[in-house]
N, C-alpha and C. Protein backbone atom coordinates (compact mmCIF):
# COMPACT_ATOMS: atom_id res chain seq x y z
N MET A 1 225.63 32.18 60.86
CA MET A 1 225.74 31.07 59.94
C MET A 1 224.63 31.12 58.89
N ARG A 2 223.46 31.49 59.33
CA ARG A 2 222.32 31.51 58.40
C ARG A 2 222.55 32.54 57.30
N TYR A 3 222.97 33.71 57.66
CA TYR A 3 223.09 34.79 56.68
C TYR A 3 224.49 34.89 56.07
N ALA A 4 225.52 34.67 56.86
CA ALA A 4 226.88 34.79 56.34
C ALA A 4 227.27 33.60 55.48
N GLU A 5 226.84 32.41 55.89
CA GLU A 5 227.24 31.20 55.17
C GLU A 5 226.10 30.55 54.41
N GLY A 6 224.87 30.98 54.68
CA GLY A 6 223.72 30.38 54.02
C GLY A 6 223.36 29.01 54.55
N SER A 7 223.74 28.72 55.78
CA SER A 7 223.45 27.42 56.38
C SER A 7 221.96 27.25 56.60
N SER A 8 221.51 26.02 56.49
CA SER A 8 220.09 25.72 56.71
C SER A 8 219.79 25.70 58.20
N LEU A 9 218.52 25.83 58.53
CA LEU A 9 218.11 25.74 59.93
C LEU A 9 218.45 24.37 60.50
N ALA A 10 218.32 23.33 59.68
CA ALA A 10 218.64 21.97 60.12
C ALA A 10 220.12 21.85 60.48
N THR A 11 220.98 22.41 59.63
CA THR A 11 222.42 22.35 59.88
C THR A 11 222.78 23.10 61.15
N ILE A 12 222.25 24.28 61.31
CA ILE A 12 222.53 25.09 62.50
C ILE A 12 222.02 24.38 63.74
N GLY A 13 220.80 23.85 63.65
CA GLY A 13 220.23 23.13 64.78
C GLY A 13 221.07 21.93 65.19
N ALA A 14 221.55 21.19 64.21
CA ALA A 14 222.38 20.02 64.50
C ALA A 14 223.68 20.43 65.20
N LEU A 15 224.28 21.51 64.75
CA LEU A 15 225.53 21.97 65.36
C LEU A 15 225.32 22.49 66.78
N LEU A 16 224.17 23.12 67.01
CA LEU A 16 223.90 23.70 68.32
C LEU A 16 223.13 22.77 69.25
N GLY A 17 222.69 21.63 68.72
CA GLY A 17 221.94 20.68 69.54
C GLY A 17 220.54 21.14 69.86
N MET A 18 219.88 21.77 68.88
CA MET A 18 218.51 22.22 69.09
C MET A 18 217.69 21.99 67.83
N SER A 19 216.40 22.12 67.95
CA SER A 19 215.51 21.88 66.81
C SER A 19 215.56 23.05 65.83
N GLU A 20 215.10 22.78 64.62
CA GLU A 20 215.00 23.85 63.62
C GLU A 20 214.07 24.95 64.11
N HIS A 21 213.01 24.55 64.77
CA HIS A 21 212.04 25.51 65.30
C HIS A 21 212.70 26.44 66.33
N ALA A 22 213.55 25.89 67.17
CA ALA A 22 214.25 26.70 68.18
C ALA A 22 215.22 27.67 67.51
N VAL A 23 215.92 27.19 66.48
CA VAL A 23 216.84 28.06 65.74
C VAL A 23 216.07 29.20 65.10
N GLU A 24 214.94 28.88 64.48
CA GLU A 24 214.12 29.90 63.84
C GLU A 24 213.66 30.95 64.84
N GLY A 25 213.27 30.52 66.02
CA GLY A 25 212.85 31.44 67.08
C GLY A 25 213.98 32.36 67.51
N ARG A 26 215.16 31.81 67.66
CA ARG A 26 216.31 32.64 68.05
C ARG A 26 216.66 33.65 66.97
N LEU A 27 216.57 33.23 65.72
CA LEU A 27 216.84 34.17 64.62
C LEU A 27 215.81 35.29 64.61
N ARG A 28 214.55 34.94 64.85
CA ARG A 28 213.49 35.95 64.89
C ARG A 28 213.74 36.96 66.00
N ARG A 29 214.09 36.46 67.18
CA ARG A 29 214.36 37.36 68.31
C ARG A 29 215.60 38.21 68.05
N ALA A 30 216.61 37.65 67.42
CA ALA A 30 217.82 38.41 67.12
C ALA A 30 217.53 39.53 66.13
N ARG A 31 216.72 39.24 65.10
CA ARG A 31 216.36 40.28 64.13
C ARG A 31 215.57 41.39 64.80
N ALA A 32 214.65 41.02 65.69
CA ALA A 32 213.85 42.02 66.41
C ALA A 32 214.75 42.89 67.30
N ALA A 33 215.71 42.27 67.98
CA ALA A 33 216.62 43.03 68.84
C ALA A 33 217.50 43.96 68.02
N LEU A 34 217.96 43.49 66.88
CA LEU A 34 218.77 44.33 66.00
C LEU A 34 217.97 45.51 65.48
N LYS A 35 216.73 45.25 65.08
CA LYS A 35 215.86 46.33 64.58
C LYS A 35 215.64 47.38 65.67
N GLU A 36 215.37 46.91 66.89
CA GLU A 36 215.15 47.83 68.00
C GLU A 36 216.39 48.68 68.26
N GLN A 37 217.54 48.04 68.24
CA GLN A 37 218.79 48.77 68.49
C GLN A 37 219.05 49.80 67.39
N LEU A 38 218.80 49.43 66.15
CA LEU A 38 218.99 50.37 65.05
C LEU A 38 218.03 51.54 65.14
N GLN A 39 216.82 51.28 65.57
CA GLN A 39 215.84 52.37 65.73
C GLN A 39 216.26 53.32 66.84
N LYS A 40 216.82 52.78 67.90
CA LYS A 40 217.29 53.62 69.02
C LYS A 40 218.42 54.54 68.58
N THR A 41 219.27 54.07 67.71
CA THR A 41 220.40 54.88 67.27
C THR A 41 220.06 55.78 66.09
N GLY A 42 218.84 55.66 65.59
CA GLY A 42 218.42 56.50 64.48
C GLY A 42 218.84 55.99 63.12
N SER A 43 219.38 54.80 63.07
CA SER A 43 219.87 54.25 61.80
C SER A 43 218.74 53.81 60.88
N MET A 44 217.52 53.75 61.39
CA MET A 44 216.41 53.30 60.56
C MET A 44 215.29 54.33 60.51
N GLU A 45 215.61 55.59 60.66
CA GLU A 45 214.60 56.63 60.73
C GLU A 45 213.68 56.66 59.53
N ASN A 46 214.22 56.48 58.34
CA ASN A 46 213.42 56.59 57.13
C ASN A 46 213.09 55.25 56.49
N ARG A 47 213.11 54.19 57.28
CA ARG A 47 212.80 52.87 56.75
C ARG A 47 211.49 52.37 57.31
N SER A 48 210.85 51.51 56.55
CA SER A 48 209.57 50.94 57.04
C SER A 48 209.73 49.52 57.45
């Protein structure tokens, strides 16, 4: 929702029943997991 639709953290939090801070934390962890997965597959070899 954040990236595909541009929804705010407040909107996402309200829909999921959690605080903006909690939504932000989940997004941070999801980006880290995605980065790790991409590095494992070699998709980010030449990126910083």
